[in-house]
Amino acid sequence: MSVVPEEVQALLDKQSIREQIVRLARGEDRRDAVAITASFWKDATTDFGIFSGSFDDYLNWVVPGSPAVILTQHMLGQTLVELDGDIGLAETYVDAYHRVDMGEGERDISLGGRYLDRFERRDGQWRIAKRTMLYDWVREGGDAADWSKGILGAELTGRRYIGRTSGDHSATFFGTRASS
């Protein structure tokens, strides 16, 4: 049996934590309960400022999500991970875009902030035990783009090019492997 050097194990642990953060963001964008659940411990808690609660409450808030939020996209920036045994603390910068149906038309809203995640390793797996969202800025972009007019003067050849929270073409692209 080979022993992994401590420095290599730390790199593997940090990569595992970053992978969970990425899969979670994708799961939130696609409203994929399986992907979201795989990133949290069942007894985890969340605090987004506009919502806080248990993991079950959070999951019920995110999936199916507000029908007014037609599209979300989370762009992740740098992640600082500090390890202390089976505890990992991570700060990840995030820019999030939301297309929101305001009832009288769609609006584009962007915000930037940071996720503060406390990870715990249990039975060899890293998952989030607590997530807190910090907000650094928000910007309302005004009326959303009218995709029926195409992009850059060229008509889109199909709806699969337009991102959506559910029924997005990426689910077909990845198939069942997207949630694993």
C-alpha atoms as a PDB file:
ATOM      1  CA  MET A   1       0.000   0.000   0.000  1.00  0.00           C
ATOM      2  CA  SER A   2       1.455   3.357  -1.010  1.00  0.00           C
ATOM      3  CA  VAL A   3       1.344   6.334   1.273  1.00  0.00           C
ATOM      4  CA  VAL A   4       0.517   9.715  -0.286  1.00  0.00           C
ATOM      5  CA  PRO A   5       2.923  12.431   0.859  1.00  0.00           C
ATOM      6  CA  GLU A   6       1.288  15.056   3.085  1.00  0.00           C
ATOM      7  CA  GLU A   7       1.816  17.889   0.545  1.00  0.00           C
ATOM      8  CA  VAL A   8       0.225  15.835  -2.235  1.00  0.00           C
ATOM      9  CA  GLN A   9      -2.736  14.909  -0.021  1.00  0.00           C
ATOM     10  CA  ALA A  10      -3.276  18.596   0.772  1.00  0.00           C
ATOM     11  CA  LEU A  11      -3.389  19.387  -2.967  1.00  0.00           C
ATOM     12  CA  LEU A  12      -5.860  16.542  -3.545  1.00  0.00           C
ATOM     13  CA  ASP A  13      -8.042  17.760  -0.669  1.00  0.00           C
ATOM     14  CA  LYS A  14      -8.038  21.340  -1.967  1.00  0.00           C
ATOM     15  CA  GLN A  15      -8.935  20.150  -5.462  1.00  0.00           C
ATOM     16  CA  SER A  16     -11.783  18.048  -4.065  1.00  0.00           C
ATOM     17  CA  ILE A  17     -13.133  21.108  -2.228  1.00  0.00           C
ATOM     18  CA  ARG A  18     -12.908  23.283  -5.346  1.00  0.00           C
ATOM     19  CA  GLU A  19     -14.657  20.580  -7.387  1.00  0.00           C
ATOM     20  CA  GLN A  20     -17.555  20.563  -4.911  1.00  0.00           C
ATOM     21  CA  ILE A  21     -17.892  24.355  -5.208  1.00  0.00           C
ATOM     22  CA  VAL A  22     -17.948  24.168  -9.023  1.00  0.00           C
ATOM     23  CA  ARG A  23     -20.481  21.331  -9.132  1.00  0.00           C
ATOM     24  CA  LEU A  24     -22.677  23.191  -6.653  1.00  0.00           C
ATOM     25  CA  ALA A  25     -22.699  26.360  -8.779  1.00  0.00           C
ATOM     26  CA  ARG A  26     -23.634  24.307 -11.839  1.00  0.00           C
ATOM     27  CA  GLY A  27     -26.338  22.520  -9.856  1.00  0.00           C
ATOM     28  CA  GLU A  28     -27.802  25.839  -8.719  1.00  0.00           C
ATOM     29  CA  ASP A  29     -27.795  27.191 -12.280  1.00  0.00           C
ATOM     30  CA  ARG A  30     -29.560  24.068 -13.581  1.00  0.00           C
ATOM     31  CA  ARG A  31     -31.738  23.649 -10.446  1.00  0.00           C
ATOM     32  CA  ASP A  32     -30.363  20.138 -10.145  1.00  0.00           C
ATOM     33  CA  ALA A  33     -31.193  18.766  -6.689  1.00  0.00           C
ATOM     34  CA  VAL A  34     -28.861  15.765  -7.100  1.00  0.00           C
ATOM     35  CA  ALA A  35     -25.805  17.916  -7.855  1.00  0.00           C
ATOM     36  CA  ILE A  36     -26.630  20.349  -5.057  1.00  0.00           C
ATOM     37  CA  THR A  37     -27.205  17.567  -2.520  1.00  0.00           C
ATOM     38  CA  ALA A  38     -23.852  15.962  -3.406  1.00  0.00           C
ATOM     39  CA  SER A  39     -22.030  19.120  -2.269  1.00  0.00           C
ATOM     40  CA  PHE A  40     -23.597  19.500   1.197  1.00  0.00           C
ATOM     41  CA  TRP A  41     -23.795  17.400   4.317  1.00  0.00           C
ATOM     42  CA  LYS A  42     -27.401  16.658   5.259  1.00  0.00           C
ATOM     43  CA  ASP A  43     -27.002  18.600   8.533  1.00  0.00           C
ATOM     44  CA  ALA A  44     -25.467  21.646   6.791  1.00  0.00           C
ATOM     45  CA  THR A  45     -26.731  25.184   7.259  1.00  0.00           C
ATOM     46  CA  THR A  46     -26.771  28.161   4.900  1.00  0.00           C
ATOM     47  CA  ASP A  47     -27.011  31.928   5.286  1.00  0.00           C
ATOM     48  CA  PHE A  48     -27.508  34.043   2.160  1.00  0.00           C
ATOM     49  CA  GLY A  49     -28.680  37.180   3.945  1.00  0.00           C
ATOM     50  CA  ILE A  50     -32.006  36.972   2.085  1.00  0.00           C
ATOM     51  CA  PHE A  51     -32.455  33.373   3.240  1.00  0.00           C
ATOM     52  CA  SER A  52     -30.945  31.245   5.980  1.00  0.00           C
ATOM     53  CA  GLY A  53     -31.776  27.796   7.233  1.00  0.00           C
ATOM     54  CA  SER A  54     -31.096  24.094   7.174  1.00  0.00           C
ATOM     55  CA  PHE A  55     -29.909  22.247   4.088  1.00  0.00           C
ATOM     56  CA  ASP A  56     -33.424  20.883   3.463  1.00  0.00           C
ATOM     57  CA  ASP A  57     -34.879  24.395   3.648  1.00  0.00           C
ATOM     58  CA  TYR A  58     -32.169  25.687   1.309  1.00  0.00           C
ATOM     59  CA  LEU A  59     -32.765  22.882  -1.199  1.00  0.00           C
ATOM     60  CA  ASN A  60     -36.506  23.594  -1.210  1.00  0.00           C
ATOM     61  CA  TRP A  61     -35.706  27.282  -1.779  1.00  0.00           C
ATOM     62  CA  VAL A  62     -33.286  26.676  -4.677  1.00  0.00           C
ATOM     63  CA  VAL A  63     -35.127  23.808  -6.395  1.00  0.00           C
ATOM     64  CA  PRO A  64     -37.351  24.535  -8.210  1.00  0.00           C
ATOM     65  CA  GLY A  65     -36.391  28.135  -7.453  1.00  0.00           C
ATOM     66  CA  SER A  66     -38.503  31.145  -8.189  1.00  0.00           C
ATOM     67  CA  PRO A  67     -40.336  30.794 -11.498  1.00  0.00           C
ATOM     68  CA  ALA A  68     -39.572  34.490 -12.010  1.00  0.00           C
ATOM     69  CA  VAL A  69     -35.842  33.698 -12.207  1.00  0.00           C
ATOM     70  CA  ILE A  70     -35.574  32.445 -15.766  1.00  0.00           C
ATOM     71  CA  LEU A  71     -31.805  32.146 -15.908  1.00  0.00           C
ATOM     72  CA  THR A  72     -28.931  32.166 -13.455  1.00  0.00           C
ATOM     73  CA  GLN A  73     -25.235  31.910 -14.111  1.00  0.00           C
ATOM     74  CA  HIS A  74     -22.592  31.784 -11.400  1.00  0.00           C
ATOM     75  CA  MET A  75     -19.057  32.636 -12.501  1.00  0.00           C
ATOM     76  CA  LEU A  76     -16.539  31.529  -9.899  1.00  0.00           C
ATOM     77  CA  GLY A  77     -13.284  33.327  -9.302  1.00  0.00           C
ATOM     78  CA  GLN A  78     -10.359  32.434  -7.089  1.00  0.00           C
ATOM     79  CA  THR A  79     -10.833  30.147  -4.136  1.00  0.00           C
ATOM     80  CA  LEU A  80      -8.629  30.276  -1.070  1.00  0.00           C
ATOM     81  CA  VAL A  81      -8.694  26.992   0.848  1.00  0.00           C
ATOM     82  CA  GLU A  82      -7.133  26.519   4.271  1.00  0.00           C
ATOM     83  CA  LEU A  83      -7.017  23.027   5.743  1.00  0.00           C
ATOM     84  CA  ASP A  84      -6.864  21.972   9.371  1.00  0.00           C
ATOM     85  CA  GLY A  85      -7.243  18.210   9.608  1.00  0.00           C
ATOM     86  CA  ASP A  86     -10.792  17.292   8.575  1.00  0.00           C
ATOM     87  CA  ILE A  87     -11.900  20.945   8.407  1.00  0.00           C
ATOM     88  CA  GLY A  88     -11.489  23.101   5.319  1.00  0.00           C
ATOM     89  CA  LEU A  89     -12.296  26.800   5.137  1.00  0.00           C
ATOM     90  CA  ALA A  90     -12.845  28.217   1.657  1.00  0.00           C
ATOM     91  CA  GLU A  91     -13.525  31.711   0.353  1.00  0.00           C
ATOM     92  CA  THR A  92     -14.670  31.813  -3.280  1.00  0.00           C
ATOM     93  CA  TYR A  93     -15.345  34.958  -5.282  1.00  0.00           C
ATOM     94  CA  VAL A  94     -18.548  34.798  -7.327  1.00  0.00           C
ATOM     95  CA  ASP A  95     -20.195  36.979  -9.959  1.00  0.00           C
ATOM     96  CA  ALA A  96     -23.803  35.928 -10.466  1.00  0.00           C
ATOM     97  CA  TYR A  97     -26.149  36.918 -13.266  1.00  0.00           C
ATOM     98  CA  HIS A  98     -29.923  36.569 -12.989  1.00  0.00           C
ATOM     99  CA  ARG A  99     -32.595  37.152 -15.614  1.00  0.00           C
ATOM    100  CA  VAL A 100     -35.778  37.970 -13.722  1.00  0.00           C
ATOM    101  CA  ASP A 101     -39.326  38.192 -15.068  1.00  0.00           C
ATOM    102  CA  MET A 102     -40.662  41.290 -13.317  1.00  0.00           C
ATOM    103  CA  GLY A 103     -44.198  40.730 -14.659  1.00  0.00           C
ATOM    104  CA  GLU A 104     -43.869  43.655 -17.036  1.00  0.00           C
ATOM    105  CA  GLY A 105     -40.787  42.393 -18.833  1.00  0.00           C
ATOM    106  CA  GLU A 106     -37.532  40.657 -18.065  1.00  0.00           C
ATOM    107  CA  ARG A 107     -34.639  42.418 -16.321  1.00  0.00           C
ATOM    108  CA  ASP A 108     -30.964  41.544 -16.040  1.00  0.00           C
ATOM    109  CA  ILE A 109     -29.406  41.731 -12.564  1.00  0.00           C
ATOM    110  CA  SER A 110     -25.781  40.980 -11.650  1.00  0.00           C
ATOM    111  CA  LEU A 111     -24.114  40.775  -8.283  1.00  0.00           C
ATOM    112  CA  GLY A 112     -20.718  40.022  -6.904  1.00  0.00           C
ATOM    113  CA  GLY A 113     -19.689  38.570  -3.618  1.00  0.00           C
ATOM    114  CA  ARG A 114     -17.972  35.744  -1.843  1.00  0.00           C
ATOM    115  CA  TYR A 115     -18.972  32.348  -0.526  1.00  0.00           C
ATOM    116  CA  LEU A 116     -17.517  31.503   2.872  1.00  0.00           C
ATOM    117  CA  ASP A 117     -17.719  27.722   3.141  1.00  0.00           C
ATOM    118  CA  ARG A 118     -16.836  25.489   6.060  1.00  0.00           C
ATOM    119  CA  PHE A 119     -16.098  22.038   4.666  1.00  0.00           C
ATOM    120  CA  GLU A 120     -15.845  18.879   6.704  1.00  0.00           C
ATOM    121  CA  ARG A 121     -14.274  15.617   5.627  1.00  0.00           C
ATOM    122  CA  ARG A 122     -16.378  12.672   6.742  1.00  0.00           C
ATOM    123  CA  ASP A 123     -15.693   9.099   5.659  1.00  0.00           C
ATOM    124  CA  GLY A 124     -13.077  10.469   3.241  1.00  0.00           C
ATOM    125  CA  GLN A 125     -15.463  12.910   1.496  1.00  0.00           C
ATOM    126  CA  TRP A 126     -15.366  16.710   1.590  1.00  0.00           C
ATOM    127  CA  ARG A 127     -18.725  18.493   1.668  1.00  0.00           C
ATOM    128  CA  ILE A 128     -20.057  21.836   2.856  1.00  0.00           C
ATOM    129  CA  ALA A 129     -21.177  21.962   6.487  1.00  0.00           C
ATOM    130  CA  LYS A 130     -21.944  25.712   6.466  1.00  0.00           C
ATOM    131  CA  ARG A 131     -22.189  28.304   3.689  1.00  0.00           C
ATOM    132  CA  THR A 132     -22.418  32.057   4.197  1.00  0.00           C
ATOM    133  CA  MET A 133     -22.785  34.527   1.309  1.00  0.00           C
ATOM    134  CA  LEU A 134     -21.178  37.970   1.482  1.00  0.00           C
ATOM    135  CA  TYR A 135     -22.352  40.613  -1.019  1.00  0.00           C
ATOM    136  CA  ASP A 136     -19.871  43.127  -2.398  1.00  0.00           C
ATOM    137  CA  TRP A 137     -21.882  44.781  -5.191  1.00  0.00           C
ATOM    138  CA  VAL A 138     -25.111  44.564  -7.191  1.00  0.00           C
ATOM    139  CA  ARG A 139     -26.034  46.092 -10.524  1.00  0.00           C
ATOM    140  CA  GLU A 140     -29.338  46.144 -12.350  1.00  0.00           C
ATOM    141  CA  GLY A 141     -28.728  45.935 -16.086  1.00  0.00           C
ATOM    142  CA  GLY A 142     -32.144  47.066 -17.216  1.00  0.00           C
ATOM    143  CA  ASP A 143     -34.307  45.354 -19.789  1.00  0.00           C
ATOM    144  CA  ALA A 144     -33.079  41.907 -20.771  1.00  0.00           C
ATOM    145  CA  ALA A 145     -31.832  41.200 -24.280  1.00  0.00           C
ATOM    146  CA  ASP A 146     -34.472  40.053 -26.743  1.00  0.00           C
ATOM    147  CA  TRP A 147     -33.056  36.731 -27.972  1.00  0.00           C
ATOM    148  CA  SER A 148     -35.676  36.508 -30.730  1.00  0.00           C
ATOM    149  CA  LYS A 149     -33.547  39.122 -32.516  1.00  0.00           C
ATOM    150  CA  GLY A 150     -30.428  36.941 -32.360  1.00  0.00           C
ATOM    151  CA  ILE A 151     -27.015  38.134 -31.271  1.00  0.00           C
ATOM    152  CA  LEU A 152     -24.615  40.559 -32.926  1.00  0.00           C
ATOM    153  CA  GLY A 153     -27.006  40.906 -35.870  1.00  0.00           C
ATOM    154  CA  ALA A 154     -27.135  37.159 -36.591  1.00  0.00           C
ATOM    155  CA  GLU A 155     -30.206  35.033 -35.977  1.00  0.00           C
ATOM    156  CA  LEU A 156     -29.883  32.086 -33.586  1.00  0.00           C
ATOM    157  CA  THR A 157     -30.712  28.788 -35.299  1.00  0.00           C
ATOM    158  CA  GLY A 158     -32.365  27.173 -32.302  1.00  0.00           C
ATOM    159  CA  ARG A 159     -33.413  27.603 -28.661  1.00  0.00           C
ATOM    160  CA  ARG A 160     -30.597  25.362 -27.433  1.00  0.00           C
ATOM    161  CA  TYR A 161     -28.192  28.292 -27.634  1.00  0.00           C
ATOM    162  CA  ILE A 162     -30.125  30.233 -25.015  1.00  0.00           C
ATOM    163  CA  GLY A 163     -29.316  29.297 -21.395  1.00  0.00           C
ATOM    164  CA  ARG A 164     -32.130  28.281 -19.064  1.00  0.00           C
ATOM    165  CA  THR A 165     -32.375  27.093 -15.467  1.00  0.00           C
ATOM    166  CA  SER A 166     -34.139  23.894 -16.525  1.00  0.00           C
ATOM    167  CA  GLY A 167     -34.160  22.176 -19.892  1.00  0.00           C
ATOM    168  CA  ASP A 168     -30.775  23.699 -20.702  1.00  0.00           C
ATOM    169  CA  HIS A 169     -28.878  22.101 -23.595  1.00  0.00           C
ATOM    170  CA  SER A 170     -25.907  21.365 -21.297  1.00  0.00           C
ATOM    171  CA  ALA A 171     -27.971  18.598 -19.660  1.00  0.00           C
ATOM    172  CA  THR A 172     -28.188  16.850 -23.040  1.00  0.00           C
ATOM    173  CA  PHE A 173     -24.508  17.556 -23.715  1.00  0.00           C
ATOM    174  CA  PHE A 174     -23.332  15.903 -20.470  1.00  0.00           C
ATOM    175  CA  GLY A 175     -26.165  13.386 -20.156  1.00  0.00           C
ATOM    176  CA  THR A 176     -26.516  11.685 -16.802  1.00  0.00           C
ATOM    177  CA  ARG A 177     -22.853  12.323 -15.915  1.00  0.00           C
ATOM    178  CA  ALA A 178     -23.538  16.020 -15.181  1.00  0.00           C
ATOM    179  CA  SER A 179     -24.795  15.334 -11.641  1.00  0.00           C
ATOM    180  CA  SER A 180     -22.184  12.794 -10.656  1.00  0.00           C
END
